[in-house]
């Protein structure tokens, strides 16, 4: 596929069609990889996507229990006053 480089202010850019953006799930950012004379654009996915559903499943399965106490026996709460 051939595409033109366009002027954007003092810089230049590459315009991607909506079809390409949708097909490769490109949202706001891409990773730019320079490799062996090539430029590779790789979509950046949201690292916390779908966490809410995963946490809900954990709660349903009882997998959301603390692995250690959240308050220790020797904690001194007076130092926080």
N, C-alpha and C. Protein backbone atom coordinates (compact mmCIF):
# COMPACT_ATOMS: atom_id res chain seq x y z
N UNK A 1 0.85 -1.17 0.00
CA UNK A 1 0.00 0.00 0.00
C UNK A 1 0.90 1.24 0.00
N UNK A 2 0.61 2.18 -0.85
CA UNK A 2 1.37 3.42 -0.92
C UNK A 2 0.53 4.55 -0.35
N UNK A 3 1.17 5.40 0.46
CA UNK A 3 0.48 6.55 1.03
C UNK A 3 1.43 7.73 1.06
N UNK A 4 0.89 8.93 1.11
CA UNK A 4 1.71 10.14 1.06
C UNK A 4 2.05 10.64 2.46
N UNK A 5 3.19 11.27 2.56
CA UNK A 5 3.60 11.96 3.78
C UNK A 5 3.02 13.37 3.68
N UNK A 6 2.35 13.85 4.74
CA UNK A 6 1.69 15.15 4.69
C UNK A 6 2.33 16.11 5.69
N UNK A 7 2.21 17.40 5.42
CA UNK A 7 2.75 18.44 6.30
C UNK A 7 1.75 18.66 7.43
N UNK A 8 2.28 18.66 8.67
CA UNK A 8 1.48 18.93 9.86
C UNK A 8 2.25 19.96 10.67
N UNK A 9 1.91 21.23 10.53
CA UNK A 9 2.67 22.29 11.19
C UNK A 9 4.09 22.31 10.67
N UNK A 10 5.06 22.27 11.58
CA UNK A 10 6.47 22.23 11.18
C UNK A 10 6.96 20.81 10.96
N UNK A 11 6.09 19.84 11.17
CA UNK A 11 6.47 18.43 11.04
C UNK A 11 5.80 17.82 9.82
N UNK A 12 6.03 16.54 9.66
CA UNK A 12 5.34 15.78 8.61
C UNK A 12 4.76 14.54 9.26
N UNK A 13 3.70 14.02 8.67
CA UNK A 13 3.04 12.87 9.26
C UNK A 13 2.50 11.92 8.21
N UNK A 14 1.97 10.85 8.70
CA UNK A 14 1.41 9.80 7.87
C UNK A 14 -0.06 9.68 8.23
N UNK A 15 -0.92 9.74 7.25
CA UNK A 15 -2.36 9.65 7.49
C UNK A 15 -2.80 8.20 7.29
N UNK A 16 -3.49 7.66 8.31
CA UNK A 16 -4.02 6.30 8.22
C UNK A 16 -5.54 6.36 8.07
N UNK A 17 -6.05 5.55 7.19
CA UNK A 17 -7.50 5.56 6.94
C UNK A 17 -8.25 4.94 8.12
N UNK A 18 -9.52 5.26 8.24
CA UNK A 18 -10.37 4.71 9.29
C UNK A 18 -10.42 3.19 9.19
N UNK A 19 -10.40 2.67 7.99
CA UNK A 19 -10.41 1.22 7.78
C UNK A 19 -9.21 0.56 8.43
N UNK A 20 -8.03 1.13 8.25
CA UNK A 20 -6.81 0.58 8.84
C UNK A 20 -6.85 0.73 10.36
N UNK A 21 -7.28 1.90 10.84
CA UNK A 21 -7.37 2.13 12.28
C UNK A 21 -8.30 1.11 12.94
N UNK A 22 -9.43 0.86 12.31
CA UNK A 22 -10.39 -0.11 12.86
C UNK A 22 -9.87 -1.54 12.77
N UNK A 23 -9.32 -1.90 11.62
CA UNK A 23 -8.84 -3.28 11.41
C UNK A 23 -7.75 -3.66 12.40
N UNK A 24 -6.84 -2.72 12.71
CA UNK A 24 -5.72 -3.03 13.59
C UNK A 24 -5.91 -2.48 15.00
N UNK A 25 -7.13 -2.03 15.29
CA UNK A 25 -7.51 -1.56 16.63
C UNK A 25 -6.54 -0.48 17.14
N UNK A 26 -6.26 0.49 16.29
CA UNK A 26 -5.38 1.60 16.66
C UNK A 26 -6.25 2.71 17.21
N UNK A 27 -5.95 3.13 18.44
CA UNK A 27 -6.74 4.18 19.10
C UNK A 27 -5.96 5.50 19.08
N UNK A 28 -5.27 5.81 20.16
CA UNK A 28 -4.59 7.10 20.29
C UNK A 28 -3.08 7.02 20.09
N UNK A 29 -2.49 5.86 20.33
CA UNK A 29 -1.04 5.74 20.27
C UNK A 29 -0.62 4.47 19.54
N UNK A 30 0.57 4.53 18.94
CA UNK A 30 1.19 3.34 18.35
C UNK A 30 2.63 3.29 18.82
N UNK A 31 3.18 2.10 18.84
CA UNK A 31 4.61 1.93 19.11
C UNK A 31 5.33 2.01 17.78
N UNK A 32 6.38 2.82 17.72
CA UNK A 32 7.16 2.98 16.51
C UNK A 32 8.44 2.17 16.65
N UNK A 33 8.62 1.17 15.78
CA UNK A 33 9.78 0.28 15.85
C UNK A 33 10.62 0.50 14.59
N UNK A 34 11.88 0.83 14.79
CA UNK A 34 12.81 1.00 13.67
C UNK A 34 13.66 -0.26 13.60
N UNK A 35 13.54 -0.99 12.50
CA UNK A 35 14.18 -2.30 12.43
C UNK A 35 14.63 -2.61 11.00
N UNK A 36 15.92 -2.81 10.83
CA UNK A 36 16.49 -3.26 9.55
C UNK A 36 15.96 -2.48 8.35
N UNK A 37 16.03 -1.15 8.43
CA UNK A 37 15.59 -0.32 7.31
C UNK A 37 14.08 -0.23 7.16
N UNK A 38 13.34 -0.65 8.16
CA UNK A 38 11.89 -0.60 8.11
C UNK A 38 11.35 0.19 9.29
N UNK A 39 10.18 0.78 9.12
CA UNK A 39 9.46 1.41 10.21
C UNK A 39 8.20 0.59 10.44
N UNK A 40 8.04 0.10 11.65
CA UNK A 40 6.89 -0.73 11.98
C UNK A 40 6.03 0.03 12.98
N UNK A 41 4.75 0.14 12.69
CA UNK A 41 3.79 0.74 13.61
C UNK A 41 3.01 -0.38 14.28
N UNK A 42 3.02 -0.39 15.60
CA UNK A 42 2.35 -1.45 16.34
C UNK A 42 1.34 -0.83 17.29
N UNK A 43 0.07 -1.26 17.24
CA UNK A 43 -0.93 -0.68 18.14
C UNK A 43 -0.55 -0.89 19.60
N UNK A 44 -0.82 0.11 20.42
CA UNK A 44 -0.61 -0.02 21.86
C UNK A 44 -1.98 -0.26 22.49
N UNK A 45 -2.10 -1.40 23.13
CA UNK A 45 -3.37 -1.70 23.77
C UNK A 45 -3.38 -1.11 25.17
N UNK A 46 -4.56 -0.92 25.69
CA UNK A 46 -4.71 -0.39 27.04
C UNK A 46 -4.37 -1.49 28.03
N UNK A 47 -3.34 -1.31 28.87
CA UNK A 47 -2.90 -2.39 29.75
C UNK A 47 -3.93 -2.78 30.80
N UNK A 48 -4.87 -1.90 31.12
CA UNK A 48 -5.86 -2.21 32.15
C UNK A 48 -7.24 -2.50 31.56
N UNK A 49 -7.27 -2.73 30.27
CA UNK A 49 -8.55 -3.04 29.63
C UNK A 49 -9.12 -4.33 30.21
N UNK A 50 -10.38 -4.34 30.45
CA UNK A 50 -11.14 -5.52 30.91
C UNK A 50 -10.79 -5.95 32.34
N UNK A 51 -10.11 -5.10 33.11
CA UNK A 51 -9.79 -5.45 34.49
C UNK A 51 -11.06 -5.61 35.33
N UNK A 52 -12.05 -4.75 35.07
CA UNK A 52 -13.28 -4.80 35.86
C UNK A 52 -13.95 -6.17 35.75
N UNK A 53 -14.04 -6.71 34.53
CA UNK A 53 -14.64 -8.03 34.35
C UNK A 53 -13.80 -9.11 35.03
N UNK A 54 -12.48 -8.99 34.93
CA UNK A 54 -11.59 -9.98 35.55
C UNK A 54 -11.75 -9.95 37.07
N UNK A 55 -11.84 -8.75 37.65
CA UNK A 55 -12.01 -8.65 39.10
C UNK A 55 -13.36 -9.22 39.54
N UNK A 56 -14.39 -9.01 38.72
CA UNK A 56 -15.71 -9.57 39.04
C UNK A 56 -15.66 -11.09 39.06
N UNK A 57 -14.99 -11.68 38.07
CA UNK A 57 -14.85 -13.14 38.02
C UNK A 57 -14.06 -13.66 39.21
N UNK A 58 -13.02 -12.92 39.60
CA UNK A 58 -12.22 -13.32 40.76
C UNK A 58 -13.11 -13.34 42.01
N UNK A 59 -13.94 -12.32 42.17
CA UNK A 59 -14.83 -12.23 43.33
C UNK A 59 -15.82 -13.39 43.33
N UNK A 60 -16.38 -13.71 42.17
CA UNK A 60 -17.33 -14.82 42.06
C UNK A 60 -16.67 -16.15 42.45
N UNK A 61 -15.41 -16.32 42.08
CA UNK A 61 -14.69 -17.57 42.36
C UNK A 61 -14.01 -17.59 43.73
N UNK A 62 -14.09 -16.46 44.46
CA UNK A 62 -13.43 -16.38 45.76
C UNK A 62 -11.93 -16.25 45.66
N UNK A 63 -11.45 -15.81 44.49
CA UNK A 63 -10.01 -15.66 44.28
C UNK A 63 -9.49 -14.27 44.65
N UNK A 64 -10.32 -13.46 45.30
CA UNK A 64 -9.92 -12.10 45.61
C UNK A 64 -9.58 -11.91 47.09
N UNK A 65 -9.19 -12.98 47.74
CA UNK A 65 -8.82 -12.91 49.16
C UNK A 65 -7.41 -12.36 49.31
N UNK A 66 -7.18 -11.63 50.42
CA UNK A 66 -5.84 -11.10 50.68
C UNK A 66 -4.87 -12.24 50.94
N UNK A 67 -3.66 -12.10 50.45
CA UNK A 67 -2.63 -13.11 50.66
C UNK A 67 -1.91 -12.91 51.98
N UNK A 68 -2.03 -11.70 52.53
CA UNK A 68 -1.44 -11.40 53.83
C UNK A 68 -2.34 -10.38 54.54
N UNK A 69 -2.24 -10.30 55.84
CA UNK A 69 -3.06 -9.36 56.60
C UNK A 69 -2.77 -7.94 56.16
N UNK A 70 -3.82 -7.10 56.14
CA UNK A 70 -3.61 -5.71 55.77
C UNK A 70 -3.17 -4.86 56.97
N UNK A 71 -3.27 -5.39 58.19
CA UNK A 71 -2.79 -4.73 59.39
C UNK A 71 -1.93 -5.74 60.15
N UNK A 72 -0.73 -5.32 60.52
CA UNK A 72 0.17 -6.20 61.24
C UNK A 72 0.03 -5.99 62.75
N UNK A 73 0.28 -7.02 63.51
CA UNK A 73 0.13 -6.96 64.96
C UNK A 73 1.00 -5.89 65.59
N UNK A 74 2.19 -5.65 65.06
CA UNK A 74 3.13 -4.71 65.67
C UNK A 74 3.06 -3.30 65.06
N UNK A 75 2.00 -3.01 64.30
CA UNK A 75 1.88 -1.68 63.70
C UNK A 75 1.58 -0.63 64.75
N UNK A 76 2.19 0.54 64.61
CA UNK A 76 1.99 1.64 65.53
C UNK A 76 1.22 2.73 64.80
N UNK A 77 -0.08 2.82 65.08
CA UNK A 77 -0.91 3.80 64.40
C UNK A 77 -0.73 5.20 64.96
N UNK A 78 -0.15 5.33 66.15
CA UNK A 78 0.04 6.64 66.78
C UNK A 78 1.01 7.51 65.99
N UNK A 79 1.96 6.89 65.29
CA UNK A 79 2.92 7.68 64.52
C UNK A 79 2.27 8.40 63.34
N UNK A 80 1.06 8.03 62.97
CA UNK A 80 0.35 8.66 61.85
C UNK A 80 -0.51 9.83 62.30
N UNK A 81 -0.59 10.08 63.61
CA UNK A 81 -1.41 11.20 64.11
C UNK A 81 -0.77 12.52 63.87
